[in-house]
Amino acid sequence: MAQLVQSTGVVKTCLHRSYPAWSPEAEMQRSVVKRLIGGSMDYVEMSRRALGDHWGGLTDQERSQFVADLGRLIESRYLVRGMYLGPDCQIRFDRESVTTHGSASVFATVLAESRKKTLRLALEYRLLLKGDRWVVYDLVTDGKSLLESYRDQFDKVIARESFSALLQKLRERADRGGQGLGEDNGAETDESK
């Protein structure tokens, strides 16, 4: 849990100040946050689990591209979400549960002020032990798994269109700050139908 607390604290500190989107400071801030998020997440594991049976039929190049695009999407969503919650957002790490199989869950609560109301979110970070460090492969917000949401949406896009169409949609969503495919409410956009 200490590793997660530390990296989350550094990201929060980094997002504490806002800059004009065009400024060199904003670009540096985005770069630092992406590096920190990427260092805490296991995008390969998340990709494999999110694609399920589709993963086995992909070439190494398709897998690499998917992992990179999913990573960009998650990083851009995190940046947007971090900016939305604001600099006064508090994350309280409540408890952890570690299994003997090299997995763990860390439970936290996010408190943020939004429109003069206190927003409270329950978080569960799902982690795997890789070597000597813990990496996140799923994030559950108020009982909704990001990984499961992605899996449902990815299956639909692949079934209706193709894997190539899914890659294109991931790129478009990442470029727009993660809006659309993979939204927490599970709703599909017109584009993903």
Protein backbone atom coordinates (compact mmCIF):
# COMPACT_ATOMS: atom_id res chain seq x y z
CA MET A 1 0.00 0.00 0.00
CA ALA A 2 2.90 2.36 0.73
CA GLN A 3 3.97 2.29 -2.93
CA LEU A 4 0.44 3.23 -4.07
CA VAL A 5 0.09 5.95 -1.43
CA GLN A 6 3.40 7.47 -2.48
CA SER A 7 2.70 7.49 -6.24
CA THR A 8 -0.82 8.83 -5.72
CA GLY A 9 0.52 11.61 -3.52
CA VAL A 10 3.07 12.63 -6.14
CA VAL A 11 0.39 12.71 -8.88
CA LYS A 12 -1.91 14.75 -6.64
CA THR A 13 0.89 17.22 -5.89
CA CYS A 14 1.68 17.48 -9.59
CA LEU A 15 -1.97 18.24 -10.46
CA HIS A 16 -2.33 20.76 -7.62
CA ARG A 17 -1.62 23.68 -9.91
CA SER A 18 -3.39 24.34 -13.20
CA TYR A 19 -1.77 25.90 -16.23
CA PRO A 20 -3.09 27.05 -19.62
CA ALA A 21 -3.33 23.97 -21.85
CA TRP A 22 -0.94 25.48 -24.42
CA SER A 23 1.81 26.31 -21.93
CA PRO A 24 5.14 24.46 -21.54
CA GLU A 25 4.24 23.99 -17.86
CA ALA A 26 1.03 22.16 -18.78
CA GLU A 27 2.93 19.91 -21.18
CA MET A 28 5.51 19.14 -18.48
CA GLN A 29 2.71 18.41 -16.00
CA ARG A 30 1.02 16.01 -18.45
CA SER A 31 4.34 14.30 -19.10
CA VAL A 32 5.06 13.79 -15.39
CA VAL A 33 1.55 12.49 -14.66
CA LYS A 34 1.69 10.07 -17.60
CA ARG A 35 5.06 8.73 -16.43
CA LEU A 36 3.78 8.25 -12.87
CA ILE A 37 0.53 6.58 -13.96
CA GLY A 38 2.35 4.38 -16.47
CA GLY A 39 4.79 3.28 -13.77
CA SER A 40 1.95 2.18 -11.49
CA MET A 41 -0.22 0.40 -14.05
CA ASP A 42 0.37 -2.91 -15.81
CA TYR A 43 -1.04 -2.09 -19.24
CA VAL A 44 -0.08 -5.48 -20.69
CA GLU A 45 -2.02 -7.36 -17.99
CA MET A 46 -4.95 -4.97 -18.28
CA SER A 47 -4.97 -5.34 -22.08
CA ARG A 48 -4.82 -9.14 -21.92
CA ARG A 49 -7.69 -9.29 -19.45
CA ALA A 50 -9.76 -6.64 -21.24
CA LEU A 51 -9.53 -8.45 -24.57
CA GLY A 52 -10.10 -11.91 -23.08
CA ASP A 53 -10.28 -14.55 -25.82
CA HIS A 54 -9.40 -12.00 -28.52
CA TRP A 55 -5.88 -11.58 -27.08
CA GLY A 56 -4.76 -15.05 -28.23
CA GLY A 57 -5.60 -14.33 -31.87
CA LEU A 58 -3.53 -11.14 -32.12
CA THR A 59 -0.06 -10.78 -33.58
CA ASP A 60 2.74 -9.41 -31.40
CA GLN A 61 2.50 -6.12 -33.32
CA GLU A 62 -1.27 -5.88 -32.74
CA ARG A 63 -0.77 -6.61 -29.04
CA SER A 64 1.93 -3.95 -28.72
CA GLN A 65 -0.22 -1.38 -30.49
CA PHE A 66 -3.24 -2.20 -28.35
CA VAL A 67 -1.24 -1.96 -25.11
CA ALA A 68 0.17 1.44 -26.17
CA ASP A 69 -3.25 2.78 -27.18
CA LEU A 70 -4.98 1.53 -24.03
CA GLY A 71 -2.20 3.11 -21.95
CA ARG A 72 -2.71 6.46 -23.70
CA LEU A 73 -6.47 6.24 -23.10
CA ILE A 74 -6.08 5.51 -19.39
CA GLU A 75 -3.49 8.26 -18.93
CA SER A 76 -5.63 10.83 -20.70
CA ARG A 77 -8.71 9.83 -18.68
CA TYR A 78 -6.71 10.10 -15.46
CA LEU A 79 -5.50 13.58 -16.39
CA VAL A 80 -9.04 14.75 -17.18
CA ARG A 81 -10.48 13.13 -14.06
CA GLY A 82 -7.69 14.58 -11.88
CA MET A 83 -8.35 18.05 -13.23
CA TYR A 84 -12.12 17.60 -12.78
CA LEU A 85 -11.87 16.54 -9.13
CA GLY A 86 -9.73 19.56 -8.39
CA PRO A 87 -6.64 20.24 -6.31
CA ASP A 88 -8.43 19.86 -2.97
CA CYS A 89 -9.42 16.26 -3.67
CA GLN A 90 -8.52 13.97 -0.76
CA ILE A 91 -7.72 10.28 -1.11
CA ARG A 92 -7.90 8.30 2.10
CA PHE A 93 -6.39 4.82 1.93
CA ASP A 94 -8.52 2.68 4.22
CA ARG A 95 -7.18 -0.87 4.14
CA GLU A 96 -5.49 -3.52 2.06
CA SER A 97 -6.06 -7.21 1.48
CA VAL A 98 -3.17 -9.33 0.21
CA THR A 99 -3.55 -12.92 -0.98
CA THR A 100 -0.95 -15.67 -1.03
CA HIS A 101 -1.33 -15.83 -4.83
CA GLY A 102 0.47 -12.53 -5.53
CA SER A 103 -2.59 -10.32 -5.78
CA ALA A 104 -3.95 -7.60 -3.54
CA SER A 105 -6.69 -5.03 -3.20
CA VAL A 106 -6.23 -1.59 -1.71
CA PHE A 107 -9.42 0.15 -0.65
CA ALA A 108 -9.63 3.93 -0.60
CA THR A 109 -12.14 6.75 -0.43
CA VAL A 110 -12.00 9.88 -2.58
CA LEU A 111 -13.50 13.05 -1.17
CA ALA A 112 -13.87 16.09 -3.41
CA GLU A 113 -15.93 19.24 -3.48
CA SER A 114 -18.12 19.60 -6.57
CA ARG A 115 -20.67 22.38 -6.91
CA LYS A 116 -20.67 22.96 -3.15
CA LYS A 117 -21.38 19.29 -2.50
CA THR A 118 -19.01 16.70 -1.16
CA LEU A 119 -18.44 13.97 -3.68
CA ARG A 120 -17.51 10.61 -2.12
CA LEU A 121 -16.22 7.73 -4.23
CA ALA A 122 -15.25 4.27 -3.05
CA LEU A 123 -12.15 2.96 -4.83
CA GLU A 124 -10.56 -0.44 -4.99
CA TYR A 125 -7.17 -0.75 -6.63
CA ARG A 126 -6.59 -4.33 -7.79
CA LEU A 127 -2.91 -5.18 -7.92
CA LEU A 128 -0.53 -7.94 -8.94
CA LEU A 129 2.97 -8.54 -7.63
CA LYS A 130 5.38 -8.31 -10.57
CA GLY A 131 8.94 -8.94 -9.48
CA ASP A 132 9.51 -6.80 -6.41
CA ARG A 133 6.73 -4.25 -6.93
CA TRP A 134 2.97 -4.06 -7.03
CA VAL A 135 1.22 -2.90 -10.21
CA VAL A 136 -2.42 -1.94 -10.76
CA TYR A 137 -4.39 -3.96 -13.32
CA ASP A 138 -7.91 -2.78 -12.46
CA LEU A 139 -9.64 0.08 -10.69
CA VAL A 140 -13.11 -0.37 -9.24
CA THR A 141 -15.06 2.84 -8.61
CA ASP A 142 -18.24 2.57 -6.55
CA GLY A 143 -18.48 -1.13 -7.45
CA LYS A 144 -17.87 -0.67 -11.20
CA SER A 145 -14.75 -2.31 -12.59
CA LEU A 146 -12.91 -0.33 -15.25
CA LEU A 147 -11.53 -3.60 -16.65
CA GLU A 148 -14.98 -5.21 -16.93
CA SER A 149 -16.41 -2.07 -18.51
CA TYR A 150 -13.61 -2.08 -21.09
CA ARG A 151 -14.07 -5.81 -21.75
CA ASP A 152 -17.80 -5.39 -22.44
CA GLN A 153 -17.26 -2.43 -24.75
CA PHE A 154 -14.26 -3.95 -26.56
CA ASP A 155 -16.20 -7.18 -27.22
CA LYS A 156 -19.06 -5.18 -28.74
CA VAL A 157 -16.83 -3.13 -31.03
CA ILE A 158 -14.88 -6.19 -32.22
CA ALA A 159 -18.12 -8.16 -32.83
CA ARG A 160 -19.81 -5.32 -34.72
CA GLU A 161 -16.79 -4.02 -36.58
CA SER A 162 -13.24 -5.33 -36.15
CA PHE A 163 -10.14 -5.20 -33.99
CA SER A 164 -8.76 -2.46 -36.27
CA ALA A 165 -11.87 -0.38 -35.62
CA LEU A 166 -11.33 -0.83 -31.88
CA LEU A 167 -7.75 0.45 -32.18
CA GLN A 168 -8.98 3.49 -34.10
CA LYS A 169 -11.63 4.23 -31.47
CA LEU A 170 -9.06 3.93 -28.66
CA ARG A 171 -6.79 6.44 -30.43
CA GLU A 172 -9.65 8.88 -31.00
CA ARG A 173 -10.79 8.65 -27.36
CA ALA A 174 -7.27 9.15 -26.04
CA ASP A 175 -6.89 12.23 -28.26
CA ARG A 176 -10.12 13.63 -26.81
CA GLY A 177 -9.09 13.13 -23.20
CA GLY A 178 -10.61 9.68 -22.79
CA GLN A 179 -14.20 10.66 -23.41
CA GLY A 180 -16.49 8.05 -24.92
CA LEU A 181 -15.33 4.44 -25.07
CA GLY A 182 -14.80 3.11 -21.56
CA GLU A 183 -16.86 5.68 -19.68
CA ASP A 184 -17.66 4.69 -16.12
CA ASN A 185 -21.39 4.68 -16.68
CA GLY A 186 -21.03 1.94 -19.28
CA ALA A 187 -23.14 3.87 -21.78
CA GLU A 188 -22.18 3.54 -25.40
CA THR A 189 -21.70 6.59 -27.56
CA ASP A 190 -23.28 6.79 -31.00
CA GLU A 191 -19.82 6.27 -32.45
CA SER A 192 -19.28 2.97 -30.63
CA LYS A 193 -22.54 1.43 -31.82
